[in-house]
Amino acid sequence: MNKRVYFLMVVAFVVGMVELIIGGILDLMAADLNVSLGKVGLLITIFSFIFAIGSPILLILTSNIERKRLTLVSLGVFLVGNLVTVFSPTYSVVFIGRVISALSGALLIILCLTIAPSIVEHKYRGRAIGIVSMGVSASIVLGLPVGLILGNTFGWRAPFVLITLLTVLSMAGVFFLMDRVEPKPSSSIKDQLATLKNRKIFFGQSITFLFMTGHTILYAYLTPFSKTALGVDGTWVSIIYLIFGVAAVSGGGIGGALSDTIGAKRTIMLTTILFVLTIFSIPYTTFALPAFLVILIIWGILSWALSPATQSYLITLSPETSDIQQSLNNSALHLGIAFGSMIGGLVIERTSVEQNATVGGLFVILSVGAALISMYGQKNSEKTHIRGTDS
């Protein structure tokens, strides 16, 4: 295994941290920028939406550029986006910084995922993609607690200062450690979207979108939920996020093991159904912190146990378009985060943060429905063909 793959995992981790890091410092940003919690939550929505839509488009637009050079340029733009955020005097300027970071970050994640398998032997390609993906998932679940701890200690701009410094180190690493990587042709957006004409694939991708939507409706606003429903201070909120982060990272491994043991379909159904029961029960455990922490660990494990099983299931559905399905599933995940943070903000604005768990649970129920339709619905009349002809 080429050790540079682990460096790409670190780059992916640094870039991925920016997506949800605001969730831990919502109240600090809202107070400093004089805006509502929902409006700050929109900064997560816009980032995730651009991340989901921008990555496949930017990958195609830059398909002829040498990868090391493109990675350095993208890291430079990402650095600018974070500097804009650090020195932003108003909410509008923060918004601009988030857009810049999202566009460059989306391309960087896809670059890491495509460069990794190209610099290792063929037998290690799957493992290389998995290592980089682990960096992405770890950043999503650990970005929030890191932001929370630094934000409460040094102010809400501190997490972005850290990311700025890590970006500079990443640029130095790419410049000195990475070799030239020639570009490879990529599938067109039309070819990628055409695979969704297969109903099993469409609803298979919908599992991830609906599940992440339901999860993020509460998770993106866990700070105000914890302070309001549990009455805890910033120190305990940090502990809550750390516990969740450790549970979520372990959940990916548990989900992968379950998928190999009992099969992808059974793992998907088991995870989604248990998640429904868990998220609906969360508001009823806030009477005692120990009870909440127990359900928090279960929630954390289940939140990322679904991903490996869904990936395996989609590859089984269409082995000849497995690369496309990975790209689309990544977009579905980030669209779910974007939509979930938006819905969560609306719930807070119109009712209260205590209702976020219930609303999130309704979307997870829809993901169970999507899984049932994809796995056990009427079979398509024709087989899926390479590059997504109609089925």
Protein backbone atom coordinates (compact mmCIF):
# COMPACT_ATOMS: atom_id res chain seq x y z
CA MET A 1 0.00 0.00 0.00
CA ASN A 2 1.32 3.41 -1.01
CA LYS A 3 1.71 5.49 2.17
CA ARG A 4 0.62 8.60 0.26
CA VAL A 5 -2.93 7.25 0.47
CA TYR A 6 -2.91 8.00 4.19
CA PHE A 7 -1.82 11.54 3.42
CA LEU A 8 -4.79 11.88 1.06
CA MET A 9 -6.98 10.66 3.92
CA VAL A 10 -5.62 13.49 6.08
CA VAL A 11 -6.34 16.04 3.33
CA ALA A 12 -9.89 14.69 3.03
CA PHE A 13 -10.29 14.93 6.80
CA VAL A 14 -9.14 18.57 6.90
CA VAL A 15 -11.46 19.56 4.05
CA GLY A 16 -14.43 17.58 5.38
CA MET A 17 -14.24 19.21 8.83
CA VAL A 18 -15.58 22.48 7.44
CA GLU A 19 -18.97 21.08 6.49
CA LEU A 20 -20.59 20.57 9.90
CA ILE A 21 -18.14 22.41 12.14
CA ILE A 22 -20.61 25.30 12.46
CA GLY A 23 -23.12 23.01 14.17
CA GLY A 24 -21.16 23.17 17.43
CA ILE A 25 -20.86 26.97 17.45
CA LEU A 26 -24.31 27.97 16.19
CA ASP A 27 -25.17 30.04 19.26
CA LEU A 28 -21.76 31.76 19.34
CA MET A 29 -21.99 32.78 15.68
CA ALA A 30 -25.62 33.86 15.98
CA ALA A 31 -24.82 36.12 18.92
CA ASP A 32 -21.69 37.64 17.35
CA LEU A 33 -23.20 38.17 13.89
CA ASN A 34 -26.58 39.23 15.30
CA VAL A 35 -28.64 36.68 13.34
CA SER A 36 -30.94 33.79 14.28
CA LEU A 37 -29.88 30.17 14.86
CA GLY A 38 -31.78 29.13 11.75
CA LYS A 39 -29.89 31.64 9.64
CA VAL A 40 -26.55 30.32 10.89
CA GLY A 41 -27.80 26.80 10.18
CA LEU A 42 -28.29 27.92 6.56
CA LEU A 43 -24.50 28.13 6.33
CA ILE A 44 -24.43 24.34 6.72
CA THR A 45 -27.20 23.93 4.16
CA ILE A 46 -25.53 26.00 1.45
CA PHE A 47 -22.17 24.32 2.02
CA SER A 48 -23.59 20.79 1.81
CA PHE A 49 -25.77 21.63 -1.21
CA ILE A 50 -22.83 23.06 -3.16
CA PHE A 51 -20.71 20.10 -2.02
CA ALA A 52 -23.24 17.61 -3.39
CA ILE A 53 -23.97 19.36 -6.68
CA GLY A 54 -20.54 20.83 -7.34
CA SER A 55 -18.28 17.78 -7.00
CA PRO A 56 -19.35 15.81 -10.10
CA ILE A 57 -19.63 18.97 -12.22
CA LEU A 58 -16.24 20.35 -11.21
CA LEU A 59 -14.62 16.94 -11.73
CA ILE A 60 -15.81 16.93 -15.34
CA LEU A 61 -14.82 20.56 -15.97
CA THR A 62 -11.29 19.91 -14.69
CA SER A 63 -10.88 16.45 -16.25
CA ASN A 64 -7.92 17.51 -18.42
CA ILE A 65 -5.81 19.12 -15.66
CA GLU A 66 -2.91 17.24 -14.05
CA ARG A 67 -4.09 16.12 -10.61
CA LYS A 68 -1.24 17.32 -8.38
CA ARG A 69 -1.45 20.82 -9.83
CA LEU A 70 -5.24 20.83 -9.56
CA THR A 71 -5.07 19.68 -5.93
CA LEU A 72 -2.66 22.51 -5.06
CA VAL A 73 -4.83 25.11 -6.79
CA SER A 74 -7.96 23.77 -5.08
CA LEU A 75 -6.25 23.84 -1.68
CA GLY A 76 -5.25 27.46 -2.39
CA VAL A 77 -8.85 28.41 -3.12
CA PHE A 78 -9.98 26.47 -0.04
CA LEU A 79 -7.46 28.46 2.01
CA VAL A 80 -8.90 31.73 0.69
CA GLY A 81 -12.42 30.64 1.60
CA ASN A 82 -11.42 29.93 5.18
CA LEU A 83 -9.47 33.19 5.49
CA VAL A 84 -12.55 35.08 4.32
CA THR A 85 -14.53 33.32 7.06
CA VAL A 86 -11.92 34.05 9.74
CA PHE A 87 -11.82 37.79 9.00
CA SER A 88 -15.50 38.24 8.05
CA PRO A 89 -17.16 41.21 9.79
CA THR A 90 -20.73 40.27 8.82
CA TYR A 91 -22.95 37.27 8.11
CA SER A 92 -22.95 38.04 4.37
CA VAL A 93 -19.16 37.80 4.20
CA VAL A 94 -19.22 34.51 6.13
CA PHE A 95 -21.73 33.25 3.57
CA ILE A 96 -19.34 34.14 0.72
CA GLY A 97 -16.49 32.38 2.52
CA ARG A 98 -18.63 29.24 2.88
CA VAL A 99 -19.44 29.22 -0.84
CA ILE A 100 -15.74 29.49 -1.75
CA SER A 101 -14.81 26.73 0.71
CA ALA A 102 -17.62 24.47 -0.50
CA LEU A 103 -16.73 24.72 -4.19
CA SER A 104 -13.04 24.02 -3.64
CA GLY A 105 -13.69 21.45 -0.91
CA ALA A 106 -16.10 19.47 -3.10
CA LEU A 107 -13.46 19.13 -5.80
CA LEU A 108 -10.74 18.25 -3.27
CA ILE A 109 -12.71 15.35 -1.78
CA ILE A 110 -13.39 13.86 -5.21
CA LEU A 111 -9.75 14.36 -6.18
CA CYS A 112 -8.61 12.46 -3.09
CA LEU A 113 -11.06 9.63 -3.85
CA THR A 114 -9.88 9.36 -7.47
CA ILE A 115 -6.15 9.87 -6.92
CA ALA A 116 -5.91 7.24 -4.14
CA PRO A 117 -6.76 4.18 -6.30
CA SER A 118 -4.55 5.46 -9.13
CA ILE A 119 -1.35 5.47 -7.04
CA VAL A 120 -1.65 1.93 -5.64
CA GLU A 121 -1.51 -1.57 -7.11
CA HIS A 122 -4.77 -2.84 -8.58
CA LYS A 123 -5.38 -5.23 -5.68
CA TYR A 124 -5.30 -2.32 -3.21
CA ARG A 125 -7.66 0.04 -5.03
CA GLY A 126 -10.74 -0.79 -3.00
CA ARG A 127 -8.81 -0.45 0.24
CA ALA A 128 -7.37 2.90 -0.89
CA ILE A 129 -10.85 4.31 -1.57
CA GLY A 130 -12.00 2.99 1.81
CA ILE A 131 -9.12 4.72 3.64
CA VAL A 132 -9.91 8.10 2.07
CA SER A 133 -13.63 7.58 2.72
CA MET A 134 -12.80 6.94 6.37
CA GLY A 135 -11.15 10.37 6.49
CA VAL A 136 -14.32 11.95 5.08
CA SER A 137 -16.68 10.20 7.50
CA ALA A 138 -14.41 10.92 10.48
CA SER A 139 -14.29 14.61 9.56
CA ILE A 140 -18.07 14.83 9.37
CA VAL A 141 -18.59 13.35 12.84
CA LEU A 142 -15.52 14.86 14.56
CA GLY A 143 -15.67 18.33 12.98
CA LEU A 144 -18.50 19.36 15.28
CA PRO A 145 -16.82 18.53 18.61
CA VAL A 146 -13.55 20.11 17.47
CA GLY A 147 -15.41 23.28 16.49
CA LEU A 148 -17.31 23.28 19.75
CA ILE A 149 -14.26 22.93 21.99
CA LEU A 150 -12.20 25.56 20.15
CA GLY A 151 -15.19 27.87 19.72
CA ASN A 152 -16.14 27.87 23.40
CA THR A 153 -12.52 28.38 24.42
CA PHE A 154 -11.27 30.96 21.92
CA GLY A 155 -14.34 32.21 20.01
CA TRP A 156 -16.19 30.94 16.95
CA ARG A 157 -13.43 31.98 14.52
CA ALA A 158 -10.85 29.71 16.20
CA PRO A 159 -11.93 26.47 14.43
CA PHE A 160 -11.48 28.16 11.07
CA VAL A 161 -8.03 29.40 12.11
CA LEU A 162 -7.10 25.77 12.83
CA ILE A 163 -8.43 24.62 9.47
CA THR A 164 -6.49 27.44 7.76
CA LEU A 165 -3.24 26.28 9.37
CA LEU A 166 -3.96 22.64 8.50
CA THR A 167 -4.68 23.66 4.91
CA VAL A 168 -1.28 25.36 4.63
CA LEU A 169 0.38 22.18 5.93
CA SER A 170 -1.64 20.11 3.45
CA MET A 171 -0.46 22.30 0.59
CA ALA A 172 3.16 21.80 1.66
CA GLY A 173 2.58 18.06 1.90
CA VAL A 174 1.06 17.84 -1.58
CA PHE A 175 3.88 19.92 -3.05
CA PHE A 176 6.72 17.90 -1.52
CA LEU A 177 5.23 14.41 -1.14
CA MET A 178 2.88 13.85 -4.07
CA ASP A 179 4.04 12.88 -7.55
CA ARG A 180 2.40 13.99 -10.77
CA VAL A 181 -0.87 12.17 -11.49
CA GLU A 182 -2.17 12.33 -15.02
CA PRO A 183 -5.92 12.92 -15.43
CA LYS A 184 -8.34 10.20 -16.51
CA PRO A 185 -11.63 10.55 -18.40
CA SER A 186 -14.71 10.87 -16.19
CA SER A 187 -18.34 9.99 -16.81
CA SER A 188 -20.63 12.78 -17.93
CA ILE A 189 -23.40 14.07 -15.69
CA LYS A 190 -25.91 12.65 -18.17
CA ASP A 191 -24.39 9.17 -17.87
CA GLN A 192 -24.35 9.38 -14.07
CA LEU A 193 -27.96 10.54 -13.76
CA ALA A 194 -29.15 8.01 -16.35
CA THR A 195 -28.45 5.16 -13.93
CA LEU A 196 -31.21 6.55 -11.68
CA LYS A 197 -33.77 5.46 -14.27
CA ASN A 198 -33.41 2.06 -12.68
CA ARG A 199 -36.00 2.13 -9.91
CA LYS A 200 -34.02 -0.11 -7.57
CA ILE A 201 -31.00 2.17 -7.88
CA PHE A 202 -33.07 5.34 -7.50
CA PHE A 203 -34.68 4.19 -4.27
CA GLY A 204 -31.37 2.66 -3.14
CA GLN A 205 -29.77 6.11 -3.41
CA SER A 206 -32.84 7.61 -1.73
CA ILE A 207 -32.14 5.50 1.38
CA THR A 208 -29.00 7.53 2.04
CA PHE A 209 -30.62 10.88 1.22
CA LEU A 210 -33.66 10.39 3.47
CA PHE A 211 -31.66 8.79 6.27
CA MET A 212 -29.10 11.61 6.37
CA THR A 213 -31.87 14.20 6.16
CA GLY A 214 -33.57 12.77 9.23
CA HIS A 215 -30.29 12.42 11.11
CA THR A 216 -29.09 15.97 10.33
CA ILE A 217 -32.38 17.63 11.30
CA LEU A 218 -31.39 16.89 14.90
CA TYR A 219 -27.61 16.47 14.72
CA ALA A 220 -26.92 19.86 13.11
CA TYR A 221 -28.76 21.49 16.02
CA LEU A 222 -27.58 19.21 18.82
CA THR A 223 -25.94 22.14 20.65
CA PRO A 224 -29.17 24.14 21.20
CA PHE A 225 -31.08 20.87 21.76
CA SER A 226 -28.68 19.78 24.50
CA LYS A 227 -28.67 23.17 26.20
CA THR A 228 -32.45 23.53 26.03
CA ALA A 229 -33.66 19.99 26.67
CA LEU A 230 -30.90 18.83 29.03
CA GLY A 231 -29.95 22.17 30.55
CA VAL A 232 -26.22 21.42 30.26
CA ASP A 233 -23.37 23.89 29.81
CA GLY A 234 -20.73 24.15 27.09
CA THR A 235 -18.40 21.63 28.76
CA TRP A 236 -21.03 18.91 28.78
CA VAL A 237 -22.04 19.71 25.21
CA SER A 238 -18.41 19.12 24.19
CA ILE A 239 -18.44 15.76 25.99
CA ILE A 240 -21.71 14.84 24.26
CA TYR A 241 -20.21 15.54 20.85
CA LEU A 242 -17.04 13.59 21.63
CA ILE A 243 -19.04 10.57 22.78
CA PHE A 244 -21.17 10.77 19.66
CA GLY A 245 -18.09 11.12 17.44
CA VAL A 246 -16.38 8.03 18.84
CA ALA A 247 -19.61 6.03 18.55
CA ALA A 248 -20.18 7.19 14.97
CA VAL A 249 -16.67 6.30 13.79
CA SER A 250 -17.01 2.84 15.34
CA GLY A 251 -20.42 2.55 13.68
CA GLY A 252 -18.81 2.49 10.24
CA GLY A 253 -16.76 -0.55 11.20
CA ILE A 254 -19.74 -2.26 12.82
CA GLY A 255 -21.88 -1.62 9.74
CA GLY A 256 -19.21 -3.04 7.46
CA ALA A 257 -18.83 -6.17 9.61
CA LEU A 258 -22.59 -6.68 9.74
CA SER A 259 -22.86 -6.26 5.98
CA ASP A 260 -20.25 -8.98 5.45
CA THR A 261 -21.88 -11.26 8.04
CA ILE A 262 -25.63 -11.01 7.51
CA GLY A 263 -25.70 -9.27 4.12
CA ALA A 264 -26.18 -5.69 2.94
CA LYS A 265 -29.98 -5.86 2.68
CA ARG A 266 -30.50 -7.14 6.22
CA THR A 267 -28.02 -4.61 7.59
CA ILE A 268 -29.83 -1.74 5.86
CA MET A 269 -33.23 -2.81 7.17
CA LEU A 270 -31.92 -3.48 10.69
CA THR A 271 -30.07 -0.14 10.85
CA THR A 272 -32.88 2.03 9.53
CA ILE A 273 -35.58 0.45 11.71
CA LEU A 274 -33.45 0.68 14.85
CA PHE A 275 -32.60 4.28 13.96
CA VAL A 276 -36.31 5.17 13.75
CA LEU A 277 -36.90 3.75 17.23
CA THR A 278 -33.79 5.52 18.56
CA ILE A 279 -34.43 9.02 17.21
CA PHE A 280 -38.08 8.98 18.34
CA SER A 281 -37.00 7.95 21.85
CA ILE A 282 -34.39 10.72 22.26
CA PRO A 283 -36.79 13.41 23.62
CA TYR A 284 -37.99 10.94 26.27
CA THR A 285 -34.48 10.41 27.69
CA THR A 286 -33.66 14.04 28.42
CA PHE A 287 -35.07 13.76 31.97
CA ALA A 288 -31.74 12.18 33.03
CA LEU A 289 -28.31 12.74 31.50
CA PRO A 290 -27.17 9.08 31.90
CA ALA A 291 -30.23 7.85 29.99
CA PHE A 292 -29.59 10.37 27.24
CA LEU A 293 -25.92 9.35 26.95
CA VAL A 294 -26.90 5.70 26.47
CA ILE A 295 -29.28 6.55 23.64
CA LEU A 296 -26.67 8.98 22.27
CA ILE A 297 -24.15 6.14 21.86
CA ILE A 298 -26.73 3.98 20.07
CA TRP A 299 -27.67 6.94 17.84
CA GLY A 300 -24.01 7.57 17.02
CA ILE A 301 -23.30 3.96 16.08
CA LEU A 302 -26.39 3.65 13.90
CA SER A 303 -25.80 7.00 12.16
CA TRP A 304 -22.78 5.66 10.25
CA ALA A 305 -23.48 1.92 10.28
CA LEU A 306 -25.70 2.36 7.23
CA SER A 307 -23.05 3.72 4.83
CA PRO A 308 -20.94 0.61 4.09
CA ALA A 309 -24.01 -1.58 3.71
CA THR A 310 -25.65 0.86 1.28
CA GLN A 311 -22.46 1.13 -0.78
CA SER A 312 -22.23 -2.68 -1.00
CA TYR A 313 -25.90 -2.93 -1.93
CA LEU A 314 -25.61 -0.36 -4.73
CA ILE A 315 -22.52 -2.07 -6.15
CA THR A 316 -24.42 -5.37 -6.14
CA LEU A 317 -27.32 -3.76 -7.99
CA SER A 318 -25.07 -2.46 -10.77
CA PRO A 319 -21.47 -3.73 -10.67
CA GLU A 320 -20.69 -2.23 -14.09
CA THR A 321 -21.49 1.29 -12.84
CA SER A 322 -20.04 0.96 -9.34
CA ASP A 323 -17.88 4.09 -9.74
CA ILE A 324 -20.92 6.13 -10.72
CA GLN A 325 -22.94 4.76 -7.81
CA GLN A 326 -20.20 5.80 -5.36
CA SER A 327 -20.22 9.33 -6.77
CA LEU A 328 -24.02 9.57 -6.66
CA ASN A 329 -24.17 8.14 -3.15
CA ASN A 330 -21.68 10.77 -1.98
CA SER A 331 -23.92 13.44 -3.51
CA ALA A 332 -27.01 11.88 -1.90
CA LEU A 333 -25.28 11.97 1.49
CA HIS A 334 -24.38 15.66 1.25
CA LEU A 335 -27.79 16.59 -0.19
CA GLY A 336 -29.29 14.89 2.86
CA ILE A 337 -27.09 16.99 5.15
CA ALA A 338 -28.09 20.14 3.25
CA PHE A 339 -31.80 19.37 3.29
CA GLY A 340 -31.73 18.19 6.90
CA SER A 341 -30.00 21.32 8.18
CA MET A 342 -32.49 23.47 6.27
CA ILE A 343 -35.53 21.59 7.64
CA GLY A 344 -34.02 21.62 11.13
CA GLY A 345 -33.62 25.40 10.94
CA LEU A 346 -37.24 25.80 9.88
CA VAL A 347 -38.41 23.62 12.78
CA ILE A 348 -36.47 25.77 15.25
CA GLU A 349 -37.80 29.01 13.74
CA ARG A 350 -41.46 27.91 13.70
CA THR A 351 -41.74 25.60 16.73
CA SER A 352 -38.86 24.65 19.03
CA VAL A 353 -35.65 22.62 18.90
CA GLU A 354 -37.30 19.90 21.00
CA GLN A 355 -39.36 18.96 17.91
CA ASN A 356 -36.33 18.31 15.70
CA ALA A 357 -36.00 14.67 16.78
CA THR A 358 -39.61 13.89 15.91
CA VAL A 359 -39.44 15.56 12.50
CA GLY A 360 -36.13 13.80 11.81
CA GLY A 361 -37.69 10.47 12.69
CA LEU A 362 -40.40 10.96 10.06
CA PHE A 363 -37.77 11.26 7.34
CA VAL A 364 -36.00 8.12 8.56
CA ILE A 365 -39.31 6.27 8.27
CA LEU A 366 -39.34 7.35 4.63
CA SER A 367 -35.85 5.86 4.24
CA VAL A 368 -37.22 2.54 5.49
CA GLY A 369 -39.91 2.80 2.82
CA ALA A 370 -37.32 3.56 0.16
CA ALA A 371 -35.34 0.48 1.23
CA LEU A 372 -38.44 -1.73 1.01
CA ILE A 373 -39.29 -0.45 -2.47
CA SER A 374 -35.73 -0.85 -3.71
CA MET A 375 -35.20 -4.35 -2.32
CA TYR A 376 -38.61 -5.94 -2.47
CA GLY A 377 -40.63 -3.84 -4.93
CA GLN A 378 -41.68 -4.97 -8.38
CA LYS A 379 -38.63 -5.91 -10.44
CA ASN A 380 -37.60 -3.73 -13.35
CA SER A 381 -38.63 -5.12 -16.71
CA GLU A 382 -35.12 -4.76 -18.11
CA LYS A 383 -31.64 -4.99 -16.64
CA THR A 384 -29.48 -1.96 -15.98
CA HIS A 385 -26.85 -1.56 -18.67
CA ILE A 386 -23.41 -0.01 -18.47
CA ARG A 387 -23.48 3.77 -18.02
CA GLY A 388 -27.12 3.84 -17.11
CA THR A 389 -29.45 3.06 -19.98
CA ASP A 390 -33.12 2.93 -19.04
CA SER A 391 -34.40 -0.14 -17.26
